[in-house]
Amino acid sequence: METLLIGIITGILAGFIASKLQSGTGKGLLLDLFLGVVGGLFGSWLFGLLGINIAGWLGSLICAVVGAVIILWIVSKLK
């Protein structure tokens, strides 16, 4: 249960940080959570391709923020 709660908090925080970096404002709790979770999956995949291994909660947060920023950048280019 603790792991799930930590994952949700990390996702919300990562999505919020990425939103702030890209547009200067958060997107809302649910969208930030979704963005953080998808960003975490994308970031993990990307870091794995590059051979980058970051451990711990802070590493997960960095990975999710990087992934979410890239996703937001791609979405902004598609508009």
N, C-alpha and C. Protein backbone atom coordinates (compact mmCIF):
# COMPACT_ATOMS: atom_id res chain seq x y z
N MET A 1 0.81 -1.19 0.00
CA MET A 1 0.00 0.00 0.00
C MET A 1 0.86 1.26 0.00
N GLU A 2 1.94 1.23 0.77
CA GLU A 2 2.83 2.39 0.83
C GLU A 2 3.47 2.66 -0.53
N THR A 3 3.83 1.59 -1.24
CA THR A 3 4.47 1.75 -2.54
C THR A 3 3.53 2.42 -3.52
N LEU A 4 2.27 2.04 -3.50
CA LEU A 4 1.28 2.65 -4.39
C LEU A 4 1.11 4.13 -4.07
N LEU A 5 1.03 4.45 -2.80
CA LEU A 5 0.87 5.84 -2.38
C LEU A 5 2.10 6.66 -2.78
N ILE A 6 3.27 6.13 -2.60
CA ILE A 6 4.50 6.82 -3.00
C ILE A 6 4.52 7.03 -4.51
N GLY A 7 4.07 6.01 -5.27
CA GLY A 7 4.02 6.12 -6.73
C GLY A 7 3.04 7.21 -7.18
N ILE A 8 1.90 7.28 -6.52
CA ILE A 8 0.91 8.31 -6.87
C ILE A 8 1.44 9.70 -6.55
N ILE A 9 2.04 9.85 -5.38
CA ILE A 9 2.60 11.15 -5.00
C ILE A 9 3.73 11.53 -5.95
N THR A 10 4.58 10.58 -6.30
CA THR A 10 5.67 10.85 -7.24
C THR A 10 5.11 11.26 -8.60
N GLY A 11 4.07 10.57 -9.07
CA GLY A 11 3.45 10.90 -10.35
C GLY A 11 2.87 12.30 -10.37
N ILE A 12 2.14 12.65 -9.30
CA ILE A 12 1.56 13.98 -9.22
C ILE A 12 2.65 15.04 -9.21
N LEU A 13 3.67 14.81 -8.40
CA LEU A 13 4.77 15.77 -8.30
C LEU A 13 5.52 15.90 -9.62
N ALA A 14 5.80 14.78 -10.27
CA ALA A 14 6.52 14.81 -11.55
C ALA A 14 5.70 15.52 -12.62
N GLY A 15 4.41 15.22 -12.70
CA GLY A 15 3.55 15.89 -13.68
C GLY A 15 3.45 17.38 -13.42
N PHE A 16 3.36 17.75 -12.15
CA PHE A 16 3.28 19.17 -11.80
C PHE A 16 4.58 19.90 -12.16
N ILE A 17 5.70 19.30 -11.81
CA ILE A 17 7.00 19.92 -12.13
C ILE A 17 7.16 20.07 -13.64
N ALA A 18 6.82 19.02 -14.38
CA ALA A 18 6.94 19.08 -15.85
C ALA A 18 6.02 20.15 -16.43
N SER A 19 4.80 20.23 -15.92
CA SER A 19 3.86 21.25 -16.39
C SER A 19 4.38 22.65 -16.11
N LYS A 20 4.93 22.84 -14.91
CA LYS A 20 5.49 24.15 -14.56
C LYS A 20 6.68 24.50 -15.44
N LEU A 21 7.51 23.51 -15.75
CA LEU A 21 8.67 23.77 -16.60
C LEU A 21 8.26 24.12 -18.03
N GLN A 22 7.22 23.48 -18.53
CA GLN A 22 6.80 23.68 -19.91
C GLN A 22 5.91 24.91 -20.09
N SER A 23 4.95 25.11 -19.20
CA SER A 23 3.98 26.18 -19.42
C SER A 23 3.88 27.18 -18.28
N GLY A 24 4.57 26.95 -17.20
CA GLY A 24 4.54 27.87 -16.07
C GLY A 24 3.37 27.65 -15.12
N THR A 25 2.53 26.66 -15.40
CA THR A 25 1.39 26.38 -14.53
C THR A 25 1.11 24.89 -14.52
N GLY A 26 0.50 24.41 -13.46
CA GLY A 26 0.10 23.01 -13.40
C GLY A 26 -1.13 22.77 -14.28
N LYS A 27 -1.40 21.51 -14.58
CA LYS A 27 -2.53 21.16 -15.44
C LYS A 27 -3.74 20.68 -14.65
N GLY A 28 -3.62 20.58 -13.34
CA GLY A 28 -4.69 20.04 -12.50
C GLY A 28 -4.24 18.69 -11.94
N LEU A 29 -4.83 18.32 -10.84
CA LEU A 29 -4.39 17.13 -10.10
C LEU A 29 -4.42 15.87 -10.96
N LEU A 30 -5.54 15.57 -11.59
CA LEU A 30 -5.65 14.32 -12.36
C LEU A 30 -4.76 14.32 -13.60
N LEU A 31 -4.71 15.44 -14.32
CA LEU A 31 -3.86 15.49 -15.51
C LEU A 31 -2.39 15.45 -15.13
N ASP A 32 -2.01 16.10 -14.04
CA ASP A 32 -0.63 16.03 -13.57
C ASP A 32 -0.27 14.60 -13.17
N LEU A 33 -1.20 13.90 -12.50
CA LEU A 33 -0.97 12.51 -12.13
C LEU A 33 -0.78 11.65 -13.38
N PHE A 34 -1.68 11.78 -14.32
CA PHE A 34 -1.60 11.01 -15.56
C PHE A 34 -0.29 11.31 -16.29
N LEU A 35 0.04 12.58 -16.40
CA LEU A 35 1.26 12.99 -17.08
C LEU A 35 2.49 12.44 -16.36
N GLY A 36 2.49 12.46 -15.05
CA GLY A 36 3.62 11.93 -14.27
C GLY A 36 3.78 10.44 -14.44
N VAL A 37 2.67 9.70 -14.44
CA VAL A 37 2.75 8.24 -14.59
C VAL A 37 3.22 7.88 -15.99
N VAL A 38 2.63 8.49 -17.02
CA VAL A 38 3.04 8.22 -18.40
C VAL A 38 4.48 8.69 -18.62
N GLY A 39 4.81 9.84 -18.04
CA GLY A 39 6.18 10.34 -18.12
C GLY A 39 7.17 9.40 -17.46
N GLY A 40 6.77 8.80 -16.35
CA GLY A 40 7.63 7.84 -15.66
C GLY A 40 7.87 6.60 -16.52
N LEU A 41 6.83 6.12 -17.16
CA LEU A 41 6.98 4.96 -18.05
C LEU A 41 7.87 5.30 -19.24
N PHE A 42 7.61 6.45 -19.86
CA PHE A 42 8.41 6.87 -21.02
C PHE A 42 9.85 7.14 -20.61
N GLY A 43 10.02 7.83 -19.49
CA GLY A 43 11.37 8.15 -19.00
C GLY A 43 12.16 6.89 -18.67
N SER A 44 11.51 5.91 -18.04
CA SER A 44 12.18 4.65 -17.72
C SER A 44 12.62 3.93 -18.98
N TRP A 45 11.74 3.90 -19.97
CA TRP A 45 12.07 3.27 -21.25
C TRP A 45 13.25 4.00 -21.91
N LEU A 46 13.18 5.32 -21.94
CA LEU A 46 14.23 6.12 -22.57
C LEU A 46 15.56 5.98 -21.84
N PHE A 47 15.55 6.07 -20.51
CA PHE A 47 16.78 5.93 -19.74
C PHE A 47 17.37 4.54 -19.94
N GLY A 48 16.51 3.52 -20.04
CA GLY A 48 16.98 2.16 -20.29
C GLY A 48 17.68 2.05 -21.64
N LEU A 49 17.11 2.70 -22.66
CA LEU A 49 17.75 2.70 -23.99
C LEU A 49 19.12 3.36 -23.96
N LEU A 50 19.23 4.41 -23.17
CA LEU A 50 20.48 5.15 -23.08
C LEU A 50 21.47 4.53 -22.09
N GLY A 51 21.05 3.49 -21.38
CA GLY A 51 21.93 2.83 -20.42
C GLY A 51 22.10 3.60 -19.12
N ILE A 52 21.16 4.50 -18.83
CA ILE A 52 21.23 5.29 -17.61
C ILE A 52 20.43 4.58 -16.53
N ASN A 53 21.05 4.34 -15.38
CA ASN A 53 20.38 3.65 -14.28
C ASN A 53 20.39 4.56 -13.06
N ILE A 54 19.21 5.06 -12.71
CA ILE A 54 19.08 5.93 -11.54
C ILE A 54 18.21 5.19 -10.52
N ALA A 55 18.69 5.07 -9.30
CA ALA A 55 17.96 4.31 -8.28
C ALA A 55 17.35 5.25 -7.24
N GLY A 56 16.38 4.74 -6.52
CA GLY A 56 15.78 5.47 -5.41
C GLY A 56 14.62 6.35 -5.85
N TRP A 57 14.00 6.95 -4.84
CA TRP A 57 12.83 7.79 -5.10
C TRP A 57 13.19 9.01 -5.93
N LEU A 58 14.30 9.66 -5.61
CA LEU A 58 14.71 10.84 -6.35
C LEU A 58 15.01 10.50 -7.80
N GLY A 59 15.63 9.35 -8.02
CA GLY A 59 15.89 8.90 -9.39
C GLY A 59 14.60 8.66 -10.16
N SER A 60 13.61 8.08 -9.49
CA SER A 60 12.31 7.86 -10.13
C SER A 60 11.64 9.19 -10.47
N LEU A 61 11.74 10.14 -9.57
CA LEU A 61 11.15 11.46 -9.81
C LEU A 61 11.83 12.15 -10.99
N ILE A 62 13.16 12.11 -11.04
CA ILE A 62 13.89 12.73 -12.15
C ILE A 62 13.50 12.07 -13.46
N CYS A 63 13.45 10.76 -13.47
CA CYS A 63 13.09 10.00 -14.66
C CYS A 63 11.69 10.37 -15.14
N ALA A 64 10.74 10.46 -14.22
CA ALA A 64 9.36 10.80 -14.56
C ALA A 64 9.25 12.24 -15.06
N VAL A 65 9.97 13.15 -14.45
CA VAL A 65 9.93 14.56 -14.89
C VAL A 65 10.51 14.68 -16.30
N VAL A 66 11.64 14.03 -16.55
CA VAL A 66 12.24 14.08 -17.89
C VAL A 66 11.28 13.51 -18.93
N GLY A 67 10.68 12.36 -18.62
CA GLY A 67 9.73 11.75 -19.53
C GLY A 67 8.52 12.63 -19.77
N ALA A 68 7.98 13.23 -18.72
CA ALA A 68 6.80 14.09 -18.85
C ALA A 68 7.12 15.37 -19.63
N VAL A 69 8.30 15.94 -19.42
CA VAL A 69 8.69 17.14 -20.17
C VAL A 69 8.79 16.80 -21.66
N ILE A 70 9.37 15.66 -21.99
CA ILE A 70 9.48 15.26 -23.39
C ILE A 70 8.10 15.05 -23.99
N ILE A 71 7.20 14.40 -23.24
CA ILE A 71 5.84 14.18 -23.74
C ILE A 71 5.13 15.52 -23.97
N LEU A 72 5.24 16.45 -23.03
CA LEU A 72 4.62 17.76 -23.20
C LEU A 72 5.21 18.50 -24.40
N TRP A 73 6.50 18.37 -24.62
CA TRP A 73 7.15 19.01 -25.75
C TRP A 73 6.63 18.42 -27.07
N ILE A 74 6.51 17.10 -27.14
CA ILE A 74 6.00 16.45 -28.33
C ILE A 74 4.56 16.89 -28.60
N VAL A 75 3.73 16.93 -27.56
CA VAL A 75 2.33 17.34 -27.72
C VAL A 75 2.26 18.79 -28.21
N SER A 76 3.12 19.66 -27.69
CA SER A 76 3.11 21.07 -28.11
C SER A 76 3.51 21.21 -29.57
N LYS A 77 4.38 20.32 -30.07
CA LYS A 77 4.80 20.37 -31.47
C LYS A 77 3.73 19.82 -32.40
N LEU A 78 2.86 18.95 -31.90
CA LEU A 78 1.80 18.37 -32.72
C LEU A 78 0.61 19.30 -32.88
N LYS A 79 0.51 20.30 -32.03
CA LYS A 79 -0.62 21.25 -32.10
C LYS A 79 -0.44 22.23 -33.23
